[in-house]
Amino acid sequence: MKRVLILLALALFSAGTLSACNTMAGAGKDIQKAGDKIEDKAQDCKDGRC
């Protein structure tokens, strides 16, 4: 019984870790897209098209 509980805990920990990685990767992509839009807008203003 103790072995089953340890394996279950390990499986839950692994699933949580993997889902956190996907969440952080998605957040990083969103932040990168926002940064690209800000950079594009700044370039437009620099060129006088603001």
Protein backbone atom coordinates (compact mmCIF):
# COMPACT_ATOMS: atom_id res chain seq x y z
CA MET A 1 0.00 0.00 0.00
CA LYS A 2 2.83 2.39 0.83
CA ARG A 3 4.40 1.75 -2.58
CA VAL A 4 1.12 2.61 -4.35
CA LEU A 5 0.83 5.88 -2.45
CA ILE A 6 4.40 6.83 -3.31
CA LEU A 7 3.83 6.07 -7.00
CA LEU A 8 0.57 8.03 -6.98
CA ALA A 9 2.27 11.02 -5.36
CA LEU A 10 5.09 10.85 -7.90
CA ALA A 11 2.60 10.70 -10.80
CA LEU A 12 0.68 13.72 -9.48
CA PHE A 13 3.87 15.69 -8.97
CA SER A 14 5.06 14.86 -12.48
CA ALA A 15 1.74 15.87 -14.03
CA GLY A 16 1.79 19.17 -12.15
CA THR A 17 5.33 19.91 -13.21
CA LEU A 18 4.64 19.19 -16.86
CA SER A 19 1.50 21.32 -16.96
CA ALA A 20 3.38 24.20 -15.31
CA CYS A 21 6.00 24.06 -18.05
CA ASN A 22 3.32 24.34 -20.74
CA THR A 23 1.69 27.25 -18.90
CA MET A 24 4.97 29.14 -18.61
CA ALA A 25 5.79 28.49 -22.28
CA GLY A 26 2.40 29.89 -23.27
CA ALA A 27 2.83 32.92 -21.06
CA GLY A 28 6.26 33.54 -22.54
CA LYS A 29 4.84 33.49 -26.06
CA ASP A 30 2.07 35.93 -25.06
CA ILE A 31 4.56 38.31 -23.47
CA GLN A 32 6.78 38.09 -26.54
CA LYS A 33 3.85 38.97 -28.83
CA ALA A 34 2.98 41.96 -26.65
CA GLY A 35 6.59 43.11 -26.72
CA ASP A 36 6.66 42.82 -30.51
CA LYS A 37 3.54 45.01 -30.79
CA ILE A 38 5.03 47.62 -28.47
CA GLU A 39 8.24 47.59 -30.47
CA ASP A 40 6.32 48.03 -33.73
CA LYS A 41 4.33 50.94 -32.30
CA ALA A 42 7.49 52.60 -31.01
CA GLN A 43 9.07 52.28 -34.44
CA ASP A 44 5.96 53.83 -36.05
CA CYS A 45 6.13 56.79 -33.66
CA LYS A 46 9.83 57.18 -34.33
CA ASP A 47 9.08 57.35 -38.06
CA GLY A 48 6.43 60.04 -37.44
CA ARG A 49 3.38 57.83 -38.07
CA CYS A 50 2.16 57.96 -34.49
